[in-house]
Each structure stands twice: as C-alpha cells, then as structure tokens.
Amino acid sequence: MQLTKFTDYALRVLIYAALNKDRQITISELTEKYQLPKNHLIKVVHQLSKEGLLLSKRGRSGGLMMGKSADKIMVGYVVSRFEPQVDIVDCANPRCVISVGCVLKKALNEAHEAFINTLNQYTIADLIKEKNYLLIQFGLDIDVVHH
C-alpha cells in the first residue's frame, strides 16, 4: 500500500511541529525545510487544523503549533483520516463473476485493518525519538529547541 502525498506531507508537518513544540512554525519554514510546494502544504495544514492536530494562528505574529501532544497522536489515526476512503477492490464495477463465493475482498479489508492497527502502535512522539539527528538534518540549533 502506498500513501498519498497528502498523507505523507501531513505526517512530515506533524513531525516538524513536534520537533518544535515550544515555538510557532510557519508554512514558509516547512516549505524551505522539506522542499515541498507551498500550495500543497497550505492544504495539508488546513486539514490538520480542522482535525485539531495543529493550532493555526493568523496574522503578523501567526504560525502553527501542535494542537495535541505528540504522544497522543496515533500515526494510524492520521493515515486513516488523510487517506481517501475507498474500497481496496470494487467487486461491483465491473461486476466480478466470482464475487459471491470469493473471499479476496474480506482478506484485503482485514489486511488494511491490520495495517492501520500496526500504525496505531506508534505516535508522532515515537517518530521523533531520534530528535537530535532530525534537528541536525533540518539545520536547527539543538540547544535552542531544547529550551
């Protein structure tokens, strides 16, 4: 299973916000650090804010902060909220001639559920356990972020 860019970007934004939990970050900063299109990040941030995962403050002193503690945000929750809700297989269009006795759809749905359950064993806080390494990769001052 491959995640959409929208979900990927949402997880990246949450990782960066969690690394910088004591200060506001900006979309311009996210764009620069991740080298991602600003218009995509605006949409992602908007959805994260709607979900209550980010707090967004507008204006001159505005920015973004975590809306919930990183240890309370399950990765599986984020993935399930950001991935399109579609059946893995569509047995009706075109109609599959073996759909009555076939268990493929059931097996794939169980696999998807197991995928989400596995991701729910991790929080955003788990994703930033190597905090110093990540801060260095972003070119952030380790001492400044720790204060």
N, C-alpha and C. Protein backbone atom coordinates (compact mmCIF):
# COMPACT_ATOMS: atom_id res chain seq x y z
N MET A 1 0.85 -1.18 0.00
CA MET A 1 0.00 0.00 0.00
C MET A 1 0.89 1.23 0.00
N GLN A 2 0.57 2.17 -0.86
CA GLN A 2 1.32 3.41 -0.93
C GLN A 2 0.43 4.55 -0.46
N LEU A 3 0.96 5.37 0.44
CA LEU A 3 0.20 6.51 0.94
C LEU A 3 0.22 7.63 -0.08
N THR A 4 -0.83 8.44 -0.06
CA THR A 4 -0.86 9.61 -0.94
C THR A 4 0.14 10.64 -0.43
N LYS A 5 0.52 11.56 -1.31
CA LYS A 5 1.41 12.64 -0.90
C LYS A 5 0.78 13.48 0.20
N PHE A 6 -0.54 13.63 0.16
CA PHE A 6 -1.25 14.41 1.15
C PHE A 6 -1.01 13.83 2.56
N THR A 7 -1.11 12.52 2.69
CA THR A 7 -0.87 11.86 3.97
C THR A 7 0.60 11.95 4.36
N ASP A 8 1.47 11.72 3.42
CA ASP A 8 2.91 11.82 3.65
C ASP A 8 3.26 13.21 4.18
N TYR A 9 2.76 14.24 3.51
CA TYR A 9 3.04 15.61 3.92
C TYR A 9 2.45 15.90 5.30
N ALA A 10 1.27 15.37 5.59
CA ALA A 10 0.65 15.57 6.91
C ALA A 10 1.55 15.01 8.01
N LEU A 11 2.08 13.83 7.79
CA LEU A 11 2.97 13.23 8.78
C LEU A 11 4.25 14.04 8.92
N ARG A 12 4.78 14.52 7.82
CA ARG A 12 6.00 15.33 7.87
C ARG A 12 5.77 16.63 8.63
N VAL A 13 4.63 17.27 8.39
CA VAL A 13 4.31 18.51 9.09
C VAL A 13 4.21 18.25 10.59
N LEU A 14 3.53 17.17 10.97
CA LEU A 14 3.40 16.85 12.39
C LEU A 14 4.76 16.54 13.03
N ILE A 15 5.62 15.86 12.31
CA ILE A 15 6.97 15.58 12.82
C ILE A 15 7.71 16.89 13.08
N TYR A 16 7.66 17.79 12.12
CA TYR A 16 8.38 19.06 12.27
C TYR A 16 7.78 19.89 13.39
N ALA A 17 6.46 19.94 13.47
CA ALA A 17 5.81 20.70 14.53
C ALA A 17 6.15 20.10 15.90
N ALA A 18 6.19 18.78 16.00
CA ALA A 18 6.53 18.12 17.26
C ALA A 18 7.97 18.40 17.67
N LEU A 19 8.86 18.46 16.71
CA LEU A 19 10.25 18.79 17.00
C LEU A 19 10.39 20.22 17.53
N ASN A 20 9.45 21.07 17.14
CA ASN A 20 9.48 22.48 17.51
C ASN A 20 8.29 22.84 18.40
N LYS A 21 7.95 21.95 19.31
CA LYS A 21 6.72 22.08 20.09
C LYS A 21 6.64 23.33 20.95
N ASP A 22 7.78 23.95 21.25
CA ASP A 22 7.77 25.12 22.13
C ASP A 22 7.79 26.45 21.37
N ARG A 23 7.60 26.38 20.07
CA ARG A 23 7.57 27.62 19.29
C ARG A 23 6.65 27.44 18.08
N GLN A 24 6.24 28.56 17.52
CA GLN A 24 5.42 28.50 16.32
C GLN A 24 6.31 28.27 15.10
N ILE A 25 5.78 27.52 14.17
CA ILE A 25 6.45 27.33 12.88
C ILE A 25 5.57 27.94 11.81
N THR A 26 6.12 28.11 10.62
CA THR A 26 5.35 28.71 9.53
C THR A 26 5.32 27.78 8.32
N ILE A 27 4.37 28.03 7.46
CA ILE A 27 4.29 27.26 6.21
C ILE A 27 5.53 27.54 5.37
N SER A 28 6.01 28.78 5.36
CA SER A 28 7.23 29.09 4.60
C SER A 28 8.42 28.29 5.12
N GLU A 29 8.49 28.14 6.43
CA GLU A 29 9.56 27.35 7.04
C GLU A 29 9.45 25.88 6.62
N LEU A 30 8.24 25.35 6.66
CA LEU A 30 8.01 23.97 6.23
C LEU A 30 8.39 23.79 4.77
N THR A 31 8.01 24.75 3.95
CA THR A 31 8.33 24.70 2.52
C THR A 31 9.84 24.64 2.30
N GLU A 32 10.55 25.48 3.04
CA GLU A 32 12.01 25.54 2.92
C GLU A 32 12.66 24.26 3.44
N LYS A 33 12.25 23.80 4.60
CA LYS A 33 12.90 22.65 5.23
C LYS A 33 12.65 21.35 4.46
N TYR A 34 11.44 21.18 3.96
CA TYR A 34 11.09 19.94 3.27
C TYR A 34 11.22 20.04 1.75
N GLN A 35 11.40 21.25 1.24
CA GLN A 35 11.47 21.46 -0.22
C GLN A 35 10.20 20.93 -0.90
N LEU A 36 9.05 21.31 -0.34
CA LEU A 36 7.76 20.87 -0.87
C LEU A 36 6.97 22.08 -1.33
N PRO A 37 6.03 21.89 -2.26
CA PRO A 37 5.23 23.01 -2.78
C PRO A 37 4.36 23.65 -1.69
N LYS A 38 4.43 24.96 -1.62
CA LYS A 38 3.70 25.72 -0.61
C LYS A 38 2.20 25.49 -0.70
N ASN A 39 1.66 25.45 -1.92
CA ASN A 39 0.20 25.29 -2.07
C ASN A 39 -0.27 23.95 -1.52
N HIS A 40 0.54 22.90 -1.65
CA HIS A 40 0.17 21.60 -1.08
C HIS A 40 0.21 21.66 0.45
N LEU A 41 1.25 22.28 0.98
CA LEU A 41 1.38 22.37 2.43
C LEU A 41 0.26 23.20 3.05
N ILE A 42 -0.20 24.22 2.37
CA ILE A 42 -1.32 25.03 2.86
C ILE A 42 -2.55 24.14 3.04
N LYS A 43 -2.83 23.30 2.06
CA LYS A 43 -3.98 22.39 2.13
C LYS A 43 -3.82 21.38 3.27
N VAL A 44 -2.63 20.85 3.41
CA VAL A 44 -2.35 19.87 4.47
C VAL A 44 -2.52 20.52 5.84
N VAL A 45 -1.94 21.70 6.02
CA VAL A 45 -2.03 22.41 7.29
C VAL A 45 -3.48 22.73 7.62
N HIS A 46 -4.23 23.13 6.61
CA HIS A 46 -5.66 23.42 6.83
C HIS A 46 -6.38 22.19 7.36
N GLN A 47 -6.14 21.04 6.76
CA GLN A 47 -6.80 19.81 7.19
C GLN A 47 -6.32 19.39 8.58
N LEU A 48 -5.03 19.51 8.85
CA LEU A 48 -4.51 19.19 10.18
C LEU A 48 -5.14 20.09 11.24
N SER A 49 -5.36 21.34 10.89
CA SER A 49 -6.02 22.27 11.81
C SER A 49 -7.47 21.88 12.03
N LYS A 50 -8.16 21.50 10.96
CA LYS A 50 -9.56 21.06 11.09
C LYS A 50 -9.67 19.83 11.98
N GLU A 51 -8.67 18.97 11.94
CA GLU A 51 -8.66 17.75 12.75
C GLU A 51 -8.24 18.03 14.19
N GLY A 52 -7.80 19.26 14.47
CA GLY A 52 -7.36 19.61 15.81
C GLY A 52 -5.94 19.15 16.13
N LEU A 53 -5.23 18.70 15.12
CA LEU A 53 -3.87 18.21 15.32
C LEU A 53 -2.85 19.35 15.33
N LEU A 54 -3.20 20.45 14.68
CA LEU A 54 -2.39 21.66 14.67
C LEU A 54 -3.26 22.83 15.11
N LEU A 55 -2.64 23.79 15.74
CA LEU A 55 -3.30 25.06 16.04
C LEU A 55 -2.72 26.09 15.08
N SER A 56 -3.58 26.86 14.47
CA SER A 56 -3.15 27.83 13.49
C SER A 56 -3.53 29.23 13.97
N LYS A 57 -2.55 30.11 13.99
CA LYS A 57 -2.78 31.50 14.39
C LYS A 57 -2.42 32.39 13.21
N ARG A 58 -3.38 33.21 12.79
CA ARG A 58 -3.15 34.09 11.64
C ARG A 58 -2.52 35.41 12.06
N GLY A 59 -2.06 36.11 11.07
CA GLY A 59 -1.55 37.45 11.31
C GLY A 59 -0.05 37.53 11.40
N ARG A 60 0.40 38.75 11.71
CA ARG A 60 1.83 39.06 11.73
C ARG A 60 2.60 38.15 12.70
N SER A 61 2.04 37.88 13.85
CA SER A 61 2.71 37.01 14.83
C SER A 61 2.14 35.59 14.78
N GLY A 62 1.59 35.24 13.65
CA GLY A 62 0.94 33.94 13.50
C GLY A 62 1.91 32.82 13.25
N GLY A 63 1.35 31.64 13.21
CA GLY A 63 2.13 30.45 12.95
C GLY A 63 1.35 29.21 13.33
N LEU A 64 2.05 28.12 13.40
CA LEU A 64 1.45 26.81 13.67
C LEU A 64 2.12 26.17 14.87
N MET A 65 1.31 25.50 15.66
CA MET A 65 1.82 24.72 16.80
C MET A 65 1.03 23.43 16.90
N MET A 66 1.56 22.50 17.63
CA MET A 66 0.84 21.24 17.86
C MET A 66 -0.49 21.53 18.54
N GLY A 67 -1.53 20.88 18.06
CA GLY A 67 -2.85 21.01 18.67
C GLY A 67 -3.08 20.00 19.77
N LYS A 68 -2.32 18.94 19.72
CA LYS A 68 -2.34 17.88 20.73
C LYS A 68 -0.91 17.49 21.01
N SER A 69 -0.71 16.89 22.13
CA SER A 69 0.62 16.38 22.47
C SER A 69 1.00 15.29 21.47
N ALA A 70 2.25 15.29 21.05
CA ALA A 70 2.73 14.31 20.06
C ALA A 70 2.54 12.88 20.53
N ASP A 71 2.57 12.66 21.84
CA ASP A 71 2.39 11.30 22.34
C ASP A 71 0.93 10.87 22.38
N LYS A 72 0.03 11.76 21.99
CA LYS A 72 -1.40 11.45 21.94
C LYS A 72 -1.91 11.28 20.50
N ILE A 73 -1.06 11.54 19.53
CA ILE A 73 -1.46 11.44 18.12
C ILE A 73 -0.95 10.13 17.54
N MET A 74 -1.88 9.23 17.26
CA MET A 74 -1.52 7.93 16.71
C MET A 74 -1.30 8.05 15.19
N VAL A 75 -0.24 7.44 14.71
CA VAL A 75 0.07 7.50 13.27
C VAL A 75 -1.07 6.89 12.46
N GLY A 76 -1.64 5.79 12.92
CA GLY A 76 -2.75 5.15 12.21
C GLY A 76 -3.96 6.06 12.10
N TYR A 77 -4.21 6.86 13.13
CA TYR A 77 -5.32 7.82 13.09
C TYR A 77 -5.08 8.83 11.97
N VAL A 78 -3.88 9.37 11.91
CA VAL A 78 -3.57 10.36 10.87
C VAL A 78 -3.74 9.73 9.48
N VAL A 79 -3.19 8.55 9.30
CA VAL A 79 -3.29 7.88 8.00
C VAL A 79 -4.75 7.62 7.65
N SER A 80 -5.53 7.13 8.59
CA SER A 80 -6.94 6.82 8.29
C SER A 80 -7.76 8.08 8.02
N ARG A 81 -7.38 9.23 8.60
CA ARG A 81 -8.10 10.48 8.36
C ARG A 81 -7.69 11.13 7.04
N PHE A 82 -6.48 10.88 6.59
CA PHE A 82 -5.98 11.56 5.40
C PHE A 82 -6.03 10.74 4.12
N GLU A 83 -6.11 9.43 4.25
CA GLU A 83 -6.21 8.60 3.05
C GLU A 83 -7.65 8.58 2.57
N PRO A 84 -7.85 8.61 1.26
CA PRO A 84 -9.22 8.55 0.74
C PRO A 84 -9.91 7.26 1.17
N GLN A 85 -11.16 7.38 1.52
CA GLN A 85 -11.93 6.22 1.97
C GLN A 85 -12.50 5.48 0.75
N VAL A 86 -11.72 4.58 0.25
CA VAL A 86 -12.16 3.78 -0.90
C VAL A 86 -11.97 2.31 -0.58
N ASP A 87 -12.80 1.50 -1.19
CA ASP A 87 -12.60 0.06 -1.05
C ASP A 87 -11.30 -0.33 -1.75
N ILE A 88 -10.62 -1.30 -1.19
CA ILE A 88 -9.38 -1.76 -1.80
C ILE A 88 -9.66 -2.38 -3.16
N VAL A 89 -10.73 -3.15 -3.24
CA VAL A 89 -11.19 -3.68 -4.52
C VAL A 89 -12.68 -3.37 -4.65
N ASP A 90 -13.10 -3.16 -5.86
CA ASP A 90 -14.51 -2.89 -6.15
C ASP A 90 -15.06 -4.07 -6.95
N CYS A 91 -15.80 -4.92 -6.26
CA CYS A 91 -16.32 -6.13 -6.90
C CYS A 91 -17.55 -5.86 -7.77
N ALA A 92 -18.07 -4.65 -7.69
CA ALA A 92 -19.31 -4.34 -8.41
C ALA A 92 -19.08 -3.62 -9.74
N ASN A 93 -17.93 -3.00 -9.93
CA ASN A 93 -17.73 -2.19 -11.12
C ASN A 93 -16.35 -2.42 -11.71
N PRO A 94 -16.19 -3.18 -12.77
CA PRO A 94 -17.25 -4.00 -13.36
C PRO A 94 -17.56 -5.19 -12.46
N ARG A 95 -18.76 -5.66 -12.55
CA ARG A 95 -19.21 -6.76 -11.71
C ARG A 95 -18.31 -7.97 -11.91
N CYS A 96 -17.82 -8.49 -10.79
CA CYS A 96 -16.94 -9.66 -10.82
C CYS A 96 -17.80 -10.92 -10.78
N VAL A 97 -17.53 -11.83 -11.68
CA VAL A 97 -18.35 -13.04 -11.78
C VAL A 97 -18.15 -14.00 -10.61
N ILE A 98 -17.07 -13.85 -9.85
CA ILE A 98 -16.85 -14.77 -8.73
C ILE A 98 -17.11 -14.11 -7.36
N SER A 99 -17.69 -12.92 -7.35
CA SER A 99 -17.82 -12.15 -6.11
C SER A 99 -18.65 -12.85 -5.03
N VAL A 100 -19.60 -13.68 -5.42
CA VAL A 100 -20.46 -14.33 -4.43
C VAL A 100 -19.66 -15.26 -3.51
N GLY A 101 -18.78 -16.05 -4.07
CA GLY A 101 -18.04 -17.01 -3.26
C GLY A 101 -16.60 -16.62 -2.97
N CYS A 102 -16.21 -15.44 -3.37
CA CYS A 102 -14.81 -15.02 -3.24
C CYS A 102 -14.58 -14.35 -1.88
N VAL A 103 -13.44 -14.62 -1.29
CA VAL A 103 -13.09 -14.00 -0.01
C VAL A 103 -11.95 -12.99 -0.14
N LEU A 104 -11.58 -12.66 -1.38
CA LEU A 104 -10.48 -11.73 -1.61
C LEU A 104 -10.74 -10.37 -0.94
N LYS A 105 -11.93 -9.83 -1.14
CA LYS A 105 -12.25 -8.52 -0.58
C LYS A 105 -12.14 -8.55 0.95
N LYS A 106 -12.64 -9.60 1.57
CA LYS A 106 -12.56 -9.75 3.02
C LYS A 106 -11.10 -9.79 3.47
N ALA A 107 -10.29 -10.57 2.77
CA ALA A 107 -8.88 -10.69 3.12
C ALA A 107 -8.16 -9.35 2.98
N LEU A 108 -8.43 -8.62 1.91
CA LEU A 108 -7.78 -7.32 1.70
C LEU A 108 -8.23 -6.30 2.74
N ASN A 109 -9.51 -6.32 3.10
CA ASN A 109 -10.00 -5.41 4.13
C ASN A 109 -9.38 -5.72 5.49
N GLU A 110 -9.20 -7.01 5.80
CA GLU A 110 -8.54 -7.40 7.04
C GLU A 110 -7.08 -6.94 7.04
N ALA A 111 -6.43 -7.05 5.89
CA ALA A 111 -5.04 -6.60 5.78
C ALA A 111 -4.94 -5.09 5.99
N HIS A 112 -5.87 -4.36 5.44
CA HIS A 112 -5.89 -2.91 5.62
C HIS A 112 -6.10 -2.55 7.09
N GLU A 113 -7.00 -3.24 7.73
CA GLU A 113 -7.26 -3.01 9.15
C GLU A 113 -6.02 -3.32 9.98
N ALA A 114 -5.33 -4.40 9.65
CA ALA A 114 -4.09 -4.75 10.35
C ALA A 114 -3.01 -3.68 10.13
N PHE A 115 -2.96 -3.13 8.95
CA PHE A 115 -2.02 -2.05 8.60
C PHE A 115 -2.26 -0.84 9.51
N ILE A 116 -3.51 -0.41 9.62
CA ILE A 116 -3.86 0.73 10.46
C ILE A 116 -3.59 0.40 11.93
N ASN A 117 -3.95 -0.79 12.36
CA ASN A 117 -3.70 -1.19 13.75
C ASN A 117 -2.21 -1.18 14.08
N THR A 118 -1.38 -1.62 13.14
CA THR A 118 0.06 -1.58 13.35
C THR A 118 0.54 -0.14 13.47
N LEU A 119 0.06 0.74 12.59
CA LEU A 119 0.45 2.15 12.66
C LEU A 119 -0.02 2.79 13.96
N ASN A 120 -1.13 2.30 14.50
CA ASN A 120 -1.63 2.85 15.77
C ASN A 120 -0.80 2.43 16.97
N GLN A 121 0.20 1.61 16.75
CA GLN A 121 1.14 1.28 17.82
C GLN A 121 2.22 2.35 17.95
N TYR A 122 2.19 3.33 17.05
CA TYR A 122 3.18 4.41 17.02
C TYR A 122 2.47 5.75 17.14
N THR A 123 3.13 6.66 17.85
CA THR A 123 2.64 8.03 17.94
C THR A 123 3.61 8.94 17.20
N ILE A 124 3.21 10.19 17.04
CA ILE A 124 4.13 11.17 16.45
C ILE A 124 5.37 11.30 17.34
N ALA A 125 5.20 11.21 18.65
CA ALA A 125 6.35 11.26 19.56
C ALA A 125 7.34 10.12 19.27
N ASP A 126 6.83 8.94 18.92
CA ASP A 126 7.71 7.83 18.56
C ASP A 126 8.52 8.15 17.32
N LEU A 127 7.94 8.92 16.41
CA LEU A 127 8.62 9.23 15.15
C LEU A 127 9.75 10.23 15.33
N ILE A 128 9.79 10.91 16.48
CA ILE A 128 10.85 11.90 16.70
C ILE A 128 11.80 11.46 17.82
N LYS A 129 11.86 10.18 18.08
CA LYS A 129 12.76 9.69 19.14
C LYS A 129 14.22 10.02 18.86
N GLU A 130 14.60 10.05 17.61
CA GLU A 130 15.96 10.43 17.22
C GLU A 130 15.99 11.94 17.00
N LYS A 131 15.54 12.67 18.00
CA LYS A 131 15.32 14.11 17.90
C LYS A 131 16.58 14.88 17.46
N ASN A 132 17.70 14.64 18.09
CA ASN A 132 18.91 15.39 17.75
C ASN A 132 19.31 15.17 16.30
N TYR A 133 19.22 13.93 15.84
CA TYR A 133 19.54 13.64 14.44
C TYR A 133 18.61 14.42 13.50
N LEU A 134 17.32 14.40 13.81
CA LEU A 134 16.35 15.11 12.97
C LEU A 134 16.61 16.61 12.98
N LEU A 135 16.89 17.17 14.14
CA LEU A 135 17.17 18.60 14.24
C LEU A 135 18.37 18.98 13.39
N ILE A 136 19.41 18.16 13.43
CA ILE A 136 20.59 18.41 12.61
C ILE A 136 20.23 18.38 11.13
N GLN A 137 19.41 17.40 10.73
CA GLN A 137 19.00 17.29 9.33
C GLN A 137 18.25 18.54 8.86
N PHE A 138 17.49 19.14 9.76
CA PHE A 138 16.73 20.35 9.43
C PHE A 138 17.57 21.61 9.59
N GLY A 139 18.80 21.47 10.09
CA GLY A 139 19.64 22.64 10.30
C GLY A 139 19.17 23.48 11.47
N LEU A 140 18.52 22.86 12.43
CA LEU A 140 18.03 23.57 13.60
C LEU A 140 19.04 23.46 14.73
N ASP A 141 19.11 24.48 15.53
CA ASP A 141 20.00 24.50 16.67
C ASP A 141 19.43 23.63 17.79
N ILE A 142 20.14 22.60 18.15
CA ILE A 142 19.68 21.65 19.17
C ILE A 142 19.43 22.37 20.49
N ASP A 143 20.33 23.25 20.90
CA ASP A 143 20.19 23.94 22.18
C ASP A 143 18.96 24.85 22.20
N VAL A 144 18.67 25.52 21.10
CA VAL A 144 17.53 26.43 21.04
C VAL A 144 16.23 25.65 21.17
N VAL A 145 16.12 24.54 20.50
CA VAL A 145 14.88 23.75 20.51
C VAL A 145 14.65 23.13 21.89
N HIS A 146 15.70 22.73 22.58
CA HIS A 146 15.56 22.09 23.89
C HIS A 146 15.09 23.06 24.97
N HIS A 147 15.24 24.34 24.78
CA HIS A 147 14.85 25.32 25.82
C HIS A 147 13.39 25.66 25.73
